Amino acid sequence: MVKWLKDAVFYEIYPQSFCDSNGDGIGDIPGMTEKLDYIHDLGCNAIWLNPVYDSPFRDAGYDVRDYCKVAERYGTNEDLYHFFAEAHARKMHVLMDLVPGHTSDEHAWFQQSKKDDVNAYAKRYVWTSDAFEGIADHPYVSGNAPRSGVYMLNFFISQPALNYGWGLRTAPWQSAADSPEAVSTREAMKDIMRFWLDHGCDGFRCDMADSLVKNDDEQKHATAAVWQNIRQMLDSEYPHAAIVSEWSNPTSAINLAGFHMDFYLDHHHNGYNTLLRDYECNEADNSFFRREGHGDINRFLMDYLPKYNAIKEHGYISMFTCNHDTPRASRTLSAEELKLAYAFLFTMPGVPFLYYGDEIGMKYLDLASVEGGYHRTGSRTPMQWNHQKNYGFSSAEMDQVYIAQDSDANVPTLADQSHDPASLFNVTKQIIALRHANEDLQADALFDVIDADHQVFVYRRGNMICAVNASNHEANVKDPALQGKKIIYTIHEAEVQEDELKLGSGSFAVLK
């Protein structure tokens, strides 16, 4: 296991929207570098950086045109190398976003692959053998290349699927997962990883990590074998490097594939979804952290505990406040409710991720799609630093800013919250500091459930106890584990006497 992950708290930067240093309306790498001290002061000692590769930006950079070149709008490769160095000078680590399952259709590999001749890249992508032969149960494009064949898509129409082979093969053109062409694709991806690791990157978040081998079995064994091979390379050549998967199946991603971390994604009806975004699945919003709802922590635990117990010896489940694909939790939760949610997320096992702007409660906006964002665009708006032009994000004219910003009169800004001890920003900062100061609150310390009763949850972390009452009424918890414990941190009212803990409505406490 990579040692630095035990005390890691990640900050996700969406580069387009974080800080614009040159006034063109788009965030860039020099702007991110200027803000490293801010991220460090917040308590985040690791960064997940969304794609900064050269791209036509039909999917916000997840359509890669050149894996080894920084997009001009963000700066240069040298700017990114400098960013790595400055992060390391602050004892911070940086994960890049790896997109292994597809490229842009403008990538040089694909431009060669679609030619009507045999070349080194002819089998780099998934092609059928005839222009009139489709791909059952998979999206594909036909009639768009000189080559006679249709090519498979991995997501949008501009993202042809790279060829890692097939698990169940039903046609002659389907490569085996251990075929030379599938191995060649895997080795090319390893070379891309080596390129960035050699220049200072500390690992990768792996986009759509379970999408590599097509027609794989339920547990994705063939895809897992690809990642195990990559993990072996990392352990041998870059033992400090970490990888986190966009998979949301930790048994496969961690135990089989060898990822250090797996994201607990916001999938409908799963445990994480019941905490913050239950409204996505039900007419009534019974999210656990919504005070006026009828949430139940056991809905989360029934899904989470089997996953946690299956992988706790091998890796980490990573929960996040939000990410670039998910509606911000502030869409339905108040700042007071967010305080409890963050306190919970940052005191649970595993490696947590904080999405830029969530620390100040930036809002989810209903916006027109930008660069393939569609409904996700509303969570990708520029960071709100202060009340200067464009909230301090950019000196560009308003109509030149990458995505429209919040126009509400009560828009949250860092400047407003930084000097208020009770603000969401400062509570977030306090909780992260508490995690860093106590090994019992970090990634792999003991976790055990003490009490779980609807909107009241009490849990053990090492020799410490955390308690949250997300309801709108007071709650009492009586348990021998509370004997001799003292409260060292609270959000709102909490009191312990002997073996009984009294929690005010909407409160959180840490006992030691």
Protein backbone atom coordinates (compact mmCIF):
# COMPACT_ATOMS: atom_id res chain seq x y z
CA MET A 1 0.00 0.00 0.00
CA VAL A 2 1.20 3.53 -0.79
CA LYS A 3 1.96 5.03 2.63
CA TRP A 4 1.05 8.64 1.87
CA LEU A 5 -2.56 7.68 1.20
CA LYS A 6 -3.18 6.95 4.88
CA ASP A 7 -3.36 10.64 5.71
CA ALA A 8 -4.39 11.94 2.29
CA VAL A 9 -7.28 14.35 1.79
CA PHE A 10 -7.77 15.15 -1.90
CA TYR A 11 -8.96 18.34 -3.54
CA GLU A 12 -10.42 17.94 -7.02
CA ILE A 13 -9.57 20.75 -9.42
CA TYR A 14 -11.64 21.20 -12.54
CA PRO A 15 -8.98 23.21 -14.41
CA GLN A 16 -11.30 25.17 -16.70
CA SER A 17 -13.10 26.64 -13.70
CA PHE A 18 -10.57 27.14 -10.94
CA CYS A 19 -8.40 30.20 -11.60
CA ASP A 20 -7.71 32.11 -14.82
CA SER A 21 -4.28 33.76 -14.74
CA ASN A 22 -4.23 35.33 -18.23
CA GLY A 23 -7.72 36.80 -18.56
CA ASP A 24 -9.04 34.62 -21.39
CA GLY A 25 -11.99 33.38 -19.33
CA ILE A 26 -10.67 29.83 -18.90
CA GLY A 27 -8.82 28.51 -15.87
CA ASP A 28 -5.24 27.43 -16.43
CA ILE A 29 -2.21 25.77 -14.85
CA PRO A 30 -0.44 28.99 -13.71
CA GLY A 31 -3.72 29.93 -12.00
CA MET A 32 -3.81 26.58 -10.21
CA THR A 33 -0.21 27.02 -9.14
CA GLU A 34 -1.06 30.42 -7.63
CA LYS A 35 -3.70 28.72 -5.48
CA LEU A 36 -1.60 25.87 -4.10
CA ASP A 37 -1.07 27.72 -0.83
CA TYR A 38 -4.83 28.08 -0.48
CA ILE A 39 -5.39 24.34 -1.00
CA HIS A 40 -2.58 23.52 1.41
CA ASP A 41 -3.95 25.90 4.05
CA LEU A 42 -7.39 24.31 3.69
CA GLY A 43 -5.75 21.06 4.75
CA CYS A 44 -5.85 19.14 1.47
CA ASN A 45 -2.49 17.49 0.92
CA ALA A 46 -3.31 15.84 -2.39
CA ILE A 47 -4.92 16.94 -5.66
CA TRP A 48 -6.93 15.19 -8.32
CA LEU A 49 -6.54 17.18 -11.51
CA ASN A 50 -9.18 16.69 -14.21
CA PRO A 51 -7.78 16.28 -17.76
CA VAL A 52 -5.41 18.96 -19.04
CA TYR A 53 -4.38 17.10 -22.21
CA ASP A 54 -4.61 18.49 -25.73
CA SER A 55 -8.20 18.00 -26.85
CA PRO A 56 -10.93 19.32 -29.15
CA PHE A 57 -13.03 19.60 -25.95
CA ARG A 58 -16.18 17.93 -27.17
CA ASP A 59 -16.31 16.21 -23.76
CA ALA A 60 -14.50 18.81 -21.62
CA GLY A 61 -11.10 17.19 -22.17
CA TYR A 62 -12.13 13.56 -21.72
CA ASP A 63 -11.70 13.32 -25.48
CA VAL A 64 -7.90 13.23 -25.61
CA ARG A 65 -6.12 14.23 -28.80
CA ASP A 66 -2.58 13.90 -27.41
CA TYR A 67 -1.91 12.21 -24.06
CA CYS A 68 1.56 13.70 -23.70
CA LYS A 69 0.78 17.33 -24.51
CA VAL A 70 -0.92 19.93 -22.32
CA ALA A 71 -3.80 21.75 -24.02
CA GLU A 72 -2.73 25.22 -25.14
CA ARG A 73 -5.53 26.92 -23.23
CA TYR A 74 -4.12 25.57 -19.96
CA GLY A 75 -0.48 26.40 -20.65
CA THR A 76 2.48 24.20 -21.52
CA ASN A 77 3.98 20.94 -20.39
CA GLU A 78 6.58 22.97 -18.55
CA ASP A 79 3.80 24.76 -16.65
CA LEU A 80 2.48 21.41 -15.50
CA TYR A 81 5.94 20.14 -14.50
CA HIS A 82 6.32 23.33 -12.45
CA PHE A 83 2.92 22.71 -10.85
CA PHE A 84 4.05 19.23 -9.77
CA ALA A 85 7.26 20.66 -8.32
CA GLU A 86 5.45 23.40 -6.40
CA ALA A 87 2.97 20.87 -5.02
CA HIS A 88 5.82 18.62 -3.90
CA ALA A 89 7.54 21.58 -2.24
CA ARG A 90 4.41 21.82 -0.05
CA LYS A 91 4.46 18.04 0.57
CA MET A 92 1.40 17.57 -1.61
CA HIS A 93 0.74 14.84 -4.17
CA VAL A 94 -0.96 15.16 -7.55
CA LEU A 95 -3.04 12.61 -9.44
CA MET A 96 -3.72 13.25 -13.11
CA ASP A 97 -6.87 12.03 -14.82
CA LEU A 98 -6.08 9.08 -17.10
CA VAL A 99 -8.57 8.31 -19.88
CA PRO A 100 -7.66 4.74 -20.87
CA GLY A 101 -10.82 3.49 -22.57
CA HIS A 102 -11.03 5.86 -25.52
CA THR A 103 -9.42 8.80 -27.28
CA SER A 104 -10.72 11.68 -29.34
CA ASP A 105 -11.49 10.79 -32.93
CA GLU A 106 -8.85 13.43 -33.75
CA HIS A 107 -6.08 11.46 -32.01
CA ALA A 108 -3.20 10.48 -34.31
CA TRP A 109 -3.76 6.81 -33.47
CA PHE A 110 -7.32 6.96 -34.73
CA GLN A 111 -6.40 8.93 -37.82
CA GLN A 112 -4.13 6.05 -38.78
CA SER A 113 -6.55 3.35 -37.64
CA LYS A 114 -9.38 4.53 -39.90
CA LYS A 115 -7.26 4.34 -43.07
CA ASP A 116 -8.07 1.69 -45.64
CA ASP A 117 -4.77 -0.09 -45.27
CA VAL A 118 -3.00 -2.27 -42.74
CA ASN A 119 -0.81 -0.27 -40.40
CA ALA A 120 0.47 -0.37 -36.83
CA TYR A 121 -2.75 1.21 -35.49
CA ALA A 122 -5.28 -0.77 -37.52
CA LYS A 123 -6.27 -2.79 -34.44
CA ARG A 124 -5.67 -0.11 -31.81
CA TYR A 125 -9.44 0.51 -31.78
CA VAL A 126 -12.47 -1.79 -31.92
CA TRP A 127 -13.51 -2.25 -35.57
CA THR A 128 -15.77 -4.75 -37.26
CA SER A 129 -14.66 -6.39 -40.49
CA ASP A 130 -17.33 -4.81 -42.71
CA ALA A 131 -18.97 -1.41 -43.08
CA PHE A 132 -22.41 -3.05 -42.85
CA GLU A 133 -21.68 -5.16 -39.77
CA GLY A 134 -22.85 -3.53 -36.55
CA ILE A 135 -21.85 -4.28 -32.95
CA ALA A 136 -24.73 -5.81 -31.02
CA ASP A 137 -25.55 -4.13 -27.70
CA HIS A 138 -22.78 -1.55 -28.17
CA PRO A 139 -22.84 1.94 -29.70
CA TYR A 140 -20.93 2.32 -32.92
CA VAL A 141 -20.33 4.62 -35.91
CA SER A 142 -20.54 3.52 -39.52
CA GLY A 143 -19.81 5.24 -42.82
CA ASN A 144 -17.38 7.72 -41.29
CA ALA A 145 -14.03 6.38 -42.46
CA PRO A 146 -12.28 5.13 -45.61
CA ARG A 147 -11.88 1.79 -43.90
CA SER A 148 -14.55 -0.84 -44.44
CA GLY A 149 -15.81 -1.46 -40.93
CA VAL A 150 -17.71 0.25 -38.14
CA TYR A 151 -15.98 1.40 -34.99
CA MET A 152 -17.23 1.10 -31.45
CA LEU A 153 -17.80 4.07 -29.16
CA ASN A 154 -16.88 4.14 -25.50
CA PHE A 155 -19.04 7.17 -24.65
CA PHE A 156 -19.81 10.15 -26.93
CA ILE A 157 -19.69 9.93 -30.74
CA SER A 158 -16.27 11.62 -30.69
CA GLN A 159 -14.75 8.92 -28.45
CA PRO A 160 -13.83 5.69 -30.27
CA ALA A 161 -13.14 2.73 -27.99
CA LEU A 162 -9.58 1.55 -27.63
CA ASN A 163 -9.06 -2.17 -28.16
CA TYR A 164 -8.23 -4.16 -25.03
CA GLY A 165 -9.89 -7.26 -26.45
CA TRP A 166 -13.11 -9.07 -25.64
CA GLY A 167 -14.08 -11.45 -22.89
CA LEU A 168 -16.90 -13.35 -24.59
CA ARG A 169 -16.05 -13.41 -28.31
CA THR A 170 -18.87 -13.86 -30.81
CA ALA A 171 -17.28 -12.64 -34.07
CA PRO A 172 -13.92 -13.22 -35.83
CA TRP A 173 -12.96 -9.52 -35.66
CA GLN A 174 -13.15 -9.51 -31.84
CA SER A 175 -9.67 -9.73 -30.39
CA ALA A 176 -8.91 -11.91 -27.38
CA ALA A 177 -7.99 -10.03 -24.21
CA ASP A 178 -4.47 -11.50 -24.42
CA SER A 179 -4.04 -10.90 -28.16
CA PRO A 180 -1.04 -8.91 -29.45
CA GLU A 181 -3.24 -5.94 -30.35
CA ALA A 182 -4.87 -5.84 -26.88
CA VAL A 183 -1.49 -6.11 -25.18
CA SER A 184 -0.17 -3.34 -27.45
CA THR A 185 -2.93 -1.00 -26.30
CA ARG A 186 -2.20 -1.77 -22.67
CA GLU A 187 1.52 -1.19 -23.14
CA ALA A 188 0.85 2.13 -24.87
CA MET A 189 -1.20 3.26 -21.88
CA LYS A 190 1.60 2.22 -19.53
CA ASP A 191 4.03 4.32 -21.54
CA ILE A 192 1.74 7.35 -21.16
CA MET A 193 1.67 6.78 -17.41
CA ARG A 194 5.46 6.50 -17.33
CA PHE A 195 5.78 9.78 -19.24
CA TRP A 196 3.84 11.76 -16.62
CA LEU A 197 5.24 9.90 -13.63
CA ASP A 198 8.74 10.67 -14.87
CA HIS A 199 7.79 14.35 -14.97
CA GLY A 200 6.47 14.50 -11.41
CA CYS A 201 2.93 13.15 -11.39
CA ASP A 202 2.11 10.93 -8.37
CA GLY A 203 -0.49 8.67 -9.94
CA PHE A 204 -3.81 8.65 -11.73
CA ARG A 205 -7.56 8.71 -11.37
CA CYS A 206 -8.64 6.22 -14.01
CA ASP A 207 -11.72 7.22 -15.98
CA MET A 208 -14.32 4.52 -16.72
CA ALA A 209 -11.83 1.98 -15.40
CA ASP A 210 -14.18 -0.96 -15.85
CA SER A 211 -14.80 -0.25 -19.54
CA LEU A 212 -11.63 -1.68 -21.09
CA VAL A 213 -12.28 -5.30 -22.12
CA LYS A 214 -15.61 -5.63 -23.91
CA ASN A 215 -18.15 -8.36 -23.13
CA ASP A 216 -16.28 -9.04 -19.91
CA ASP A 217 -17.89 -11.15 -17.20
CA GLU A 218 -19.85 -9.74 -14.26
CA GLN A 219 -16.76 -9.26 -12.07
CA LYS A 220 -14.74 -7.91 -15.02
CA HIS A 221 -11.95 -10.44 -14.61
CA ALA A 222 -10.33 -9.71 -17.97
CA THR A 223 -10.40 -5.95 -17.35
CA ALA A 224 -9.03 -6.57 -13.85
CA ALA A 225 -6.13 -8.50 -15.37
CA VAL A 226 -5.20 -5.44 -17.46
CA TRP A 227 -5.10 -3.28 -14.34
CA GLN A 228 -3.20 -5.91 -12.34
CA ASN A 229 -0.52 -5.82 -15.01
CA ILE A 230 -0.41 -2.03 -14.76
CA ARG A 231 -0.27 -2.21 -10.96
CA GLN A 232 2.70 -4.58 -11.18
CA MET A 233 4.50 -2.03 -13.35
CA LEU A 234 3.77 0.73 -10.83
CA ASP A 235 4.91 -1.36 -7.87
CA SER A 236 8.14 -2.18 -9.66
CA GLU A 237 9.00 1.16 -11.25
CA TYR A 238 6.98 3.79 -9.31
CA PRO A 239 6.17 2.37 -5.85
CA HIS A 240 5.10 5.81 -4.58
CA ALA A 241 2.40 6.14 -7.25
CA ALA A 242 -1.29 5.63 -6.49
CA ILE A 243 -4.28 4.85 -8.68
CA VAL A 244 -7.98 5.38 -7.96
CA SER A 245 -10.69 3.86 -10.13
CA GLU A 246 -13.96 5.18 -11.42
CA TRP A 247 -15.57 1.78 -10.93
CA SER A 248 -17.73 1.79 -7.76
CA ASN A 249 -17.27 -1.90 -7.25
CA PRO A 250 -14.43 -2.18 -4.74
CA THR A 251 -14.35 -5.96 -4.69
CA SER A 252 -13.50 -5.96 -8.39
CA ALA A 253 -11.53 -2.71 -8.50
CA ILE A 254 -9.39 -3.29 -5.41
CA ASN A 255 -9.29 -7.02 -4.70
CA LEU A 256 -9.17 -8.15 -8.33
CA ALA A 257 -7.78 -5.23 -10.32
CA GLY A 258 -5.29 -3.93 -7.77
CA PHE A 259 -6.39 -0.30 -7.45
CA HIS A 260 -5.34 1.44 -4.27
CA MET A 261 -8.70 3.23 -4.07
CA ASP A 262 -12.13 2.92 -5.66
CA PHE A 263 -14.65 5.74 -5.85
CA TYR A 264 -18.00 5.17 -4.13
CA LEU A 265 -19.91 6.77 -6.98
CA ASP A 266 -23.29 8.46 -6.82
CA HIS A 267 -25.19 5.57 -8.38
CA HIS A 268 -28.95 5.49 -7.97
CA HIS A 269 -30.11 3.46 -4.97
CA ASN A 270 -26.63 2.73 -3.62
CA GLY A 271 -25.55 3.66 -0.10
CA TYR A 272 -23.71 6.84 -0.99
CA ASN A 273 -26.73 8.13 -2.91
CA THR A 274 -28.93 7.78 0.19
CA LEU A 275 -26.70 10.17 2.13
CA LEU A 276 -26.94 13.27 -0.07
CA ARG A 277 -29.05 12.78 -3.20
CA ASP A 278 -31.94 10.49 -2.40
CA TYR A 279 -34.17 12.81 -4.42
CA GLU A 280 -32.65 11.32 -7.58
CA CYS A 281 -34.43 8.03 -6.90
CA ASN A 282 -37.58 8.92 -5.01
CA GLU A 283 -40.34 11.53 -5.09
CA ALA A 284 -39.65 12.35 -1.43
CA ASP A 285 -36.10 13.38 -0.55
CA ASN A 286 -35.11 11.21 2.37
CA SER A 287 -31.38 11.84 2.19
CA PHE A 288 -29.77 11.04 5.52
CA PHE A 289 -28.37 14.55 5.92
CA ARG A 290 -31.59 16.35 5.03
CA ARG A 291 -32.92 17.40 8.43
CA GLU A 292 -36.58 17.61 7.41
CA GLY A 293 -36.54 14.27 5.63
CA HIS A 294 -36.91 10.75 6.96
CA GLY A 295 -33.46 9.40 6.26
CA ASP A 296 -32.05 6.20 7.67
CA ILE A 297 -28.33 5.55 8.01
CA ASN A 298 -29.02 1.82 7.74
CA ARG A 299 -29.80 2.27 4.04
CA PHE A 300 -26.20 3.43 3.65
CA LEU A 301 -24.74 0.78 5.94
CA MET A 302 -26.46 -2.14 4.22
CA ASP A 303 -24.65 -1.24 1.02
CA TYR A 304 -21.41 0.11 2.46
CA LEU A 305 -20.46 -2.40 5.16
CA PRO A 306 -20.17 -5.51 2.93
CA LYS A 307 -18.01 -3.53 0.51
CA TYR A 308 -15.84 -2.06 3.27
CA ASN A 309 -15.34 -5.41 5.01
CA ALA A 310 -14.43 -7.09 1.71
CA ILE A 311 -11.59 -4.69 0.85
CA LYS A 312 -10.36 -3.08 4.09
CA GLU A 313 -7.17 -5.15 4.14
CA HIS A 314 -6.32 -4.34 0.52
CA GLY A 315 -7.31 -0.76 -0.30
CA TYR A 316 -9.63 2.16 0.32
CA ILE A 317 -13.15 3.17 -0.59
CA SER A 318 -13.12 6.86 -1.52
CA MET A 319 -16.16 9.03 -0.86
CA PHE A 320 -16.43 12.59 -2.14
CA THR A 321 -18.40 15.72 -1.40
CA CYS A 322 -19.21 15.90 -5.12
CA ASN A 323 -17.37 15.62 -8.40
CA HIS A 324 -17.56 17.10 -11.89
CA ASP A 325 -20.25 14.56 -12.90
CA THR A 326 -22.51 14.94 -9.87
CA PRO A 327 -24.93 17.67 -8.73
CA ARG A 328 -23.45 19.63 -5.87
CA ALA A 329 -24.95 18.54 -2.55
CA SER A 330 -25.92 22.18 -1.94
CA ARG A 331 -28.67 21.63 -4.51
CA THR A 332 -30.86 20.34 -1.68
CA LEU A 333 -28.82 20.66 1.51
CA SER A 334 -28.31 23.84 3.55
CA ALA A 335 -24.91 25.00 4.78
CA GLU A 336 -25.73 23.60 8.23
CA GLU A 337 -26.61 20.23 6.74
CA LEU A 338 -23.45 20.27 4.63
CA LYS A 339 -21.35 20.79 7.75
CA LEU A 340 -22.60 17.49 9.16
CA ALA A 341 -22.20 15.73 5.82
CA TYR A 342 -18.59 16.84 5.46
CA ALA A 343 -17.81 16.00 9.09
CA PHE A 344 -19.07 12.50 8.41
CA LEU A 345 -17.23 12.09 5.09
CA PHE A 346 -13.90 13.28 6.51
CA THR A 347 -14.05 11.04 9.60
CA MET A 348 -14.98 7.83 7.81
CA PRO A 349 -12.41 5.22 6.70
CA GLY A 350 -10.83 5.43 3.27
CA VAL A 351 -9.43 8.39 1.37
CA PRO A 352 -11.85 11.35 1.01
CA PHE A 353 -12.13 13.82 -1.87
CA LEU A 354 -13.32 17.44 -1.67
CA TYR A 355 -14.61 19.01 -4.90
CA TYR A 356 -13.47 22.59 -5.52
CA GLY A 357 -16.03 25.11 -4.28
CA ASP A 358 -17.84 22.64 -2.03
CA GLU A 359 -15.91 24.07 0.90
CA ILE A 360 -17.92 27.29 0.51
CA GLY A 361 -21.18 25.66 -0.54
CA MET A 362 -21.15 26.70 -4.20
CA LYS A 363 -24.54 26.11 -5.76
CA TYR A 364 -25.62 23.77 -8.50
CA LEU A 365 -26.93 25.91 -11.38
CA ASP A 366 -29.41 25.05 -14.12
CA LEU A 367 -27.33 25.93 -17.20
CA ALA A 368 -27.13 25.17 -20.89
CA SER A 369 -24.60 22.50 -21.78
CA VAL A 370 -20.96 23.53 -22.19
CA GLU A 371 -18.44 21.19 -23.87
CA GLY A 372 -20.58 18.08 -23.48
CA GLY A 373 -21.43 18.79 -19.86
CA TYR A 374 -25.22 18.69 -20.25
CA HIS A 375 -26.77 18.41 -16.76
CA ARG A 376 -23.26 18.21 -15.28
CA THR A 377 -22.47 21.75 -16.41
CA GLY A 378 -24.20 23.20 -13.36
CA SER A 379 -21.54 21.68 -11.07
CA ARG A 380 -18.64 23.00 -13.17
CA THR A 381 -19.07 26.76 -12.71
CA PRO A 382 -16.02 28.94 -11.95
CA MET A 383 -14.71 29.14 -8.41
CA GLN A 384 -16.07 32.05 -6.37
CA TRP A 385 -13.06 33.59 -4.64
CA ASN A 386 -14.30 37.09 -3.77
CA HIS A 387 -16.62 39.91 -4.92
CA GLN A 388 -14.27 41.30 -7.54
CA LYS A 389 -14.92 40.91 -11.25
CA ASN A 390 -16.23 37.41 -12.04
CA TYR A 391 -15.89 36.62 -8.34
CA GLY A 392 -12.12 36.76 -8.66
CA PHE A 393 -11.96 33.88 -11.13
CA SER A 394 -10.98 35.89 -14.23
CA SER A 395 -10.39 39.42 -15.47
CA ALA A 396 -12.13 38.56 -18.77
CA GLU A 397 -15.39 40.17 -19.77
CA MET A 398 -18.36 38.29 -18.35
CA ASP A 399 -19.46 36.90 -21.71
CA GLN A 400 -16.00 35.43 -22.25
CA VAL A 401 -15.99 33.36 -19.05
CA TYR A 402 -15.95 29.61 -19.72
CA ILE A 403 -19.22 28.88 -17.88
CA ALA A 404 -21.77 31.37 -16.54
CA GLN A 405 -21.46 32.11 -12.84
CA ASP A 406 -23.96 32.33 -10.00
CA SER A 407 -25.90 35.60 -10.18
CA ASP A 408 -27.69 35.24 -6.84
CA ALA A 409 -27.34 38.20 -4.48
CA ASN A 410 -26.27 35.82 -1.71
CA VAL A 411 -23.66 33.98 -3.72
CA PRO A 412 -21.17 32.24 -1.40
CA THR A 413 -17.55 33.39 -1.70
CA LEU A 414 -14.33 32.43 0.02
CA ALA A 415 -13.74 36.06 1.02
CA ASP A 416 -17.04 36.19 2.93
CA GLN A 417 -16.50 32.91 4.74
CA SER A 418 -12.80 32.93 5.51
CA HIS A 419 -13.12 35.22 8.56
CA ASP A 420 -16.29 33.64 9.98
CA PRO A 421 -15.37 30.81 12.40
CA ALA A 422 -18.83 29.26 11.99
CA SER A 423 -18.83 29.31 8.17
CA LEU A 424 -18.95 26.14 6.11
CA PHE A 425 -15.44 26.90 4.91
CA ASN A 426 -13.97 27.08 8.40
CA VAL A 427 -15.87 24.04 9.67
CA THR A 428 -14.56 22.07 6.68
CA LYS A 429 -11.06 23.27 7.48
CA GLN A 430 -11.45 22.30 11.15
CA ILE A 431 -12.65 18.79 10.35
CA ILE A 432 -9.78 18.17 7.91
CA ALA A 433 -7.29 19.42 10.53
CA LEU A 434 -8.84 17.09 13.11
CA ARG A 435 -8.38 14.17 10.73
CA HIS A 436 -4.72 15.02 10.14
CA ALA A 437 -4.08 15.42 13.89
CA ASN A 438 -5.51 12.01 14.84
CA GLU A 439 -4.42 8.74 13.26
CA ASP A 440 -7.64 7.20 14.54
CA LEU A 441 -9.57 9.31 12.03
CA GLN A 442 -7.41 8.46 9.05
CA ALA A 443 -7.80 6.02 6.19
CA ASP A 444 -7.19 2.61 7.72
CA ALA A 445 -7.98 3.04 11.43
CA LEU A 446 -10.55 0.69 12.94
CA PHE A 447 -14.18 1.37 11.99
CA ASP A 448 -17.12 -0.10 13.83
CA VAL A 449 -20.80 0.77 14.22
CA ILE A 450 -21.89 1.60 17.77
CA ASP A 451 -25.43 2.85 17.14
CA ALA A 452 -27.43 3.31 13.94
CA ASP A 453 -30.98 4.58 14.41
CA HIS A 454 -32.48 6.40 11.42
CA GLN A 455 -30.85 9.87 11.43
CA VAL A 456 -28.56 9.16 14.38
CA PHE A 457 -25.27 7.40 13.75
CA VAL A 458 -22.49 6.71 16.26
CA TYR A 459 -19.34 4.98 15.07
CA ARG A 460 -15.92 4.06 16.38
CA ARG A 461 -12.68 5.09 14.66
CA GLY A 462 -9.74 3.51 16.46
CA ASN A 463 -10.08 4.63 20.08
CA MET A 464 -12.20 7.63 19.12
CA ILE A 465 -15.95 7.90 18.67
CA CYS A 466 -17.84 10.04 16.16
CA ALA A 467 -21.53 10.82 16.41
CA VAL A 468 -23.93 12.58 14.09
CA ASN A 469 -27.55 13.51 14.68
CA ALA A 470 -28.88 14.65 11.32
CA SER A 471 -32.47 14.95 12.53
CA ASN A 472 -34.48 17.98 13.68
CA HIS A 473 -34.87 16.69 17.24
CA GLU A 474 -32.57 15.89 20.15
CA ALA A 475 -31.23 12.37 20.57
CA ASN A 476 -29.70 10.33 23.37
CA VAL A 477 -27.34 7.40 22.89
CA LYS A 478 -26.38 5.13 25.78
CA ASP A 479 -23.53 2.68 25.28
CA PRO A 480 -20.63 1.33 27.42
CA ALA A 481 -18.18 2.48 24.72
CA LEU A 482 -18.91 6.09 25.73
CA GLN A 483 -17.66 5.57 29.28
CA GLY A 484 -14.59 7.70 29.99
CA LYS A 485 -14.76 9.57 26.70
CA LYS A 486 -14.56 13.35 26.43
CA ILE A 487 -15.85 15.53 23.61
CA ILE A 488 -12.98 17.16 21.70
CA TYR A 489 -14.97 18.66 18.82
CA THR A 490 -18.58 19.58 18.18
CA ILE A 491 -20.81 21.12 15.59
CA HIS A 492 -23.70 22.56 17.59
CA GLU A 493 -24.70 20.98 20.91
CA ALA A 494 -23.44 17.72 22.36
CA GLU A 495 -22.83 16.51 25.93
CA VAL A 496 -21.52 13.26 27.38
CA GLN A 497 -22.13 12.02 30.91
CA GLU A 498 -20.71 8.65 31.88
CA ASP A 499 -22.05 6.26 29.20
CA GLU A 500 -24.69 8.56 27.73
CA LEU A 501 -24.30 11.02 24.88
CA LYS A 502 -26.84 13.79 24.31
CA LEU A 503 -26.89 15.21 20.81
CA GLY A 504 -28.75 18.37 19.86
CA SER A 505 -30.64 18.49 16.59
CA GLY A 506 -28.33 18.83 13.60
CA SER A 507 -25.17 18.11 15.57
CA PHE A 508 -21.89 16.26 15.26
CA ALA A 509 -19.37 15.28 17.93
CA VAL A 510 -15.98 13.63 18.19
CA LEU A 511 -15.04 11.96 21.48
CA LYS A 512 -11.69 10.74 22.69
